[in-house]
Amino acid sequence: MSAQPVGPAPHHPPKTLRSIRAALPSEQVTAFESARDGLDLDDLRAVAAFRDAWWSRAVLAPDRSLDADSDAAMAGALSLAEPWVLTGSE
């Protein structure tokens, strides 16, 4: 018997500068752009290290788009769907 994943596989951004930048939290974008602009493109080891370091940050960055829903769920105020009207419950 082999182990099967419990949930969906995590989504990782492609290893392109555009995708990495888009996946970073807004507070890290300025540092990313500054490091990118100072990168010596003739130094392939530095280019690979830059890509790998920032891609890792993008993968590990929390998804802030769900914060409001998470806070509402913890407060018991999240409405996921319209309540069902059950027959005979009136």
Protein backbone atom coordinates (compact mmCIF):
# COMPACT_ATOMS: atom_id res chain seq x y z
CA MET A 1 0.00 0.00 0.00
CA SER A 2 1.32 3.47 -0.78
CA ALA A 3 0.55 6.73 0.92
CA GLN A 4 -1.76 9.07 -0.93
CA PRO A 5 -1.90 12.85 -0.45
CA VAL A 6 -4.70 14.02 1.81
CA GLY A 7 -5.37 17.33 0.10
CA PRO A 8 -4.63 19.00 -3.21
CA ALA A 9 -1.01 19.55 -4.14
CA PRO A 10 0.25 23.01 -3.23
CA HIS A 11 0.43 25.54 -6.05
CA HIS A 12 3.88 27.00 -6.64
CA PRO A 13 4.51 29.96 -8.92
CA PRO A 14 6.56 29.32 -12.05
CA LYS A 15 10.24 30.24 -11.70
CA THR A 16 9.96 33.44 -13.74
CA LEU A 17 10.69 36.92 -12.44
CA ARG A 18 7.14 38.07 -13.22
CA SER A 19 5.53 35.12 -11.42
CA ILE A 20 7.82 35.38 -8.42
CA ARG A 21 7.15 39.11 -8.08
CA ALA A 22 3.38 38.58 -8.37
CA ALA A 23 3.43 35.91 -5.64
CA LEU A 24 5.39 38.01 -3.13
CA PRO A 25 3.64 39.93 -0.37
CA SER A 26 3.50 43.65 -1.16
CA GLU A 27 5.93 44.49 1.64
CA GLN A 28 8.67 42.41 -0.08
CA VAL A 29 8.26 43.68 -3.64
CA THR A 30 10.52 46.74 -3.21
CA ALA A 31 13.36 44.60 -1.82
CA PHE A 32 12.87 42.10 -4.67
CA GLU A 33 13.03 44.83 -7.31
CA SER A 34 16.08 46.43 -5.71
CA ALA A 35 17.94 43.10 -5.59
CA ARG A 36 16.85 42.28 -9.15
CA ASP A 37 17.99 45.62 -10.51
CA GLY A 38 21.45 45.20 -8.93
CA LEU A 39 21.90 41.65 -10.24
CA ASP A 40 24.91 40.98 -12.49
CA LEU A 41 23.45 38.92 -15.33
CA ASP A 42 26.94 37.73 -16.35
CA ASP A 43 27.23 35.87 -13.03
CA LEU A 44 25.01 32.84 -13.62
CA ARG A 45 25.52 31.52 -10.09
CA ALA A 46 24.28 34.82 -8.67
CA VAL A 47 21.29 34.76 -11.05
CA ALA A 48 20.37 31.21 -9.98
CA ALA A 49 20.85 32.05 -6.29
CA PHE A 50 18.66 35.15 -6.66
CA ARG A 51 15.93 33.19 -8.43
CA ASP A 52 15.96 30.35 -5.93
CA ALA A 53 16.01 32.61 -2.87
CA TRP A 54 13.12 34.79 -4.04
CA TRP A 55 11.12 31.85 -5.41
CA SER A 56 11.38 30.25 -1.98
CA ARG A 57 10.08 33.44 -0.40
CA ALA A 58 7.19 33.51 -2.87
CA VAL A 59 6.29 29.87 -2.14
CA LEU A 60 6.39 30.39 1.62
CA ALA A 61 4.54 33.72 1.56
CA PRO A 62 1.15 33.52 3.25
CA ASP A 63 -1.96 34.11 1.15
CA ARG A 64 -3.39 37.31 2.67
CA SER A 65 -6.50 37.22 0.44
CA LEU A 66 -8.22 34.87 2.89
CA ASP A 67 -7.48 36.85 6.07
CA ALA A 68 -10.89 38.55 6.22
CA ASP A 69 -12.73 35.24 5.75
CA SER A 70 -10.50 33.55 8.32
CA ASP A 71 -11.16 36.30 10.87
CA ALA A 72 -14.92 36.11 10.23
CA ALA A 73 -14.88 32.31 10.58
CA MET A 74 -13.02 32.51 13.90
CA ALA A 75 -15.60 35.04 15.11
CA GLY A 76 -18.47 32.77 14.00
CA ALA A 77 -19.68 35.33 11.49
CA LEU A 78 -18.77 33.67 8.18
CA SER A 79 -21.73 32.85 5.96
CA LEU A 80 -20.70 30.21 3.45
CA ALA A 81 -24.05 29.66 1.73
CA GLU A 82 -27.68 30.54 1.99
CA PRO A 83 -29.39 28.36 4.60
CA TRP A 84 -31.58 25.61 3.21
CA VAL A 85 -35.30 25.70 3.81
CA LEU A 86 -36.25 22.22 4.96
CA THR A 87 -39.66 20.88 4.03
CA GLY A 88 -42.03 20.77 6.95
CA SER A 89 -39.89 22.94 9.19
CA GLU A 90 -42.17 25.99 8.97
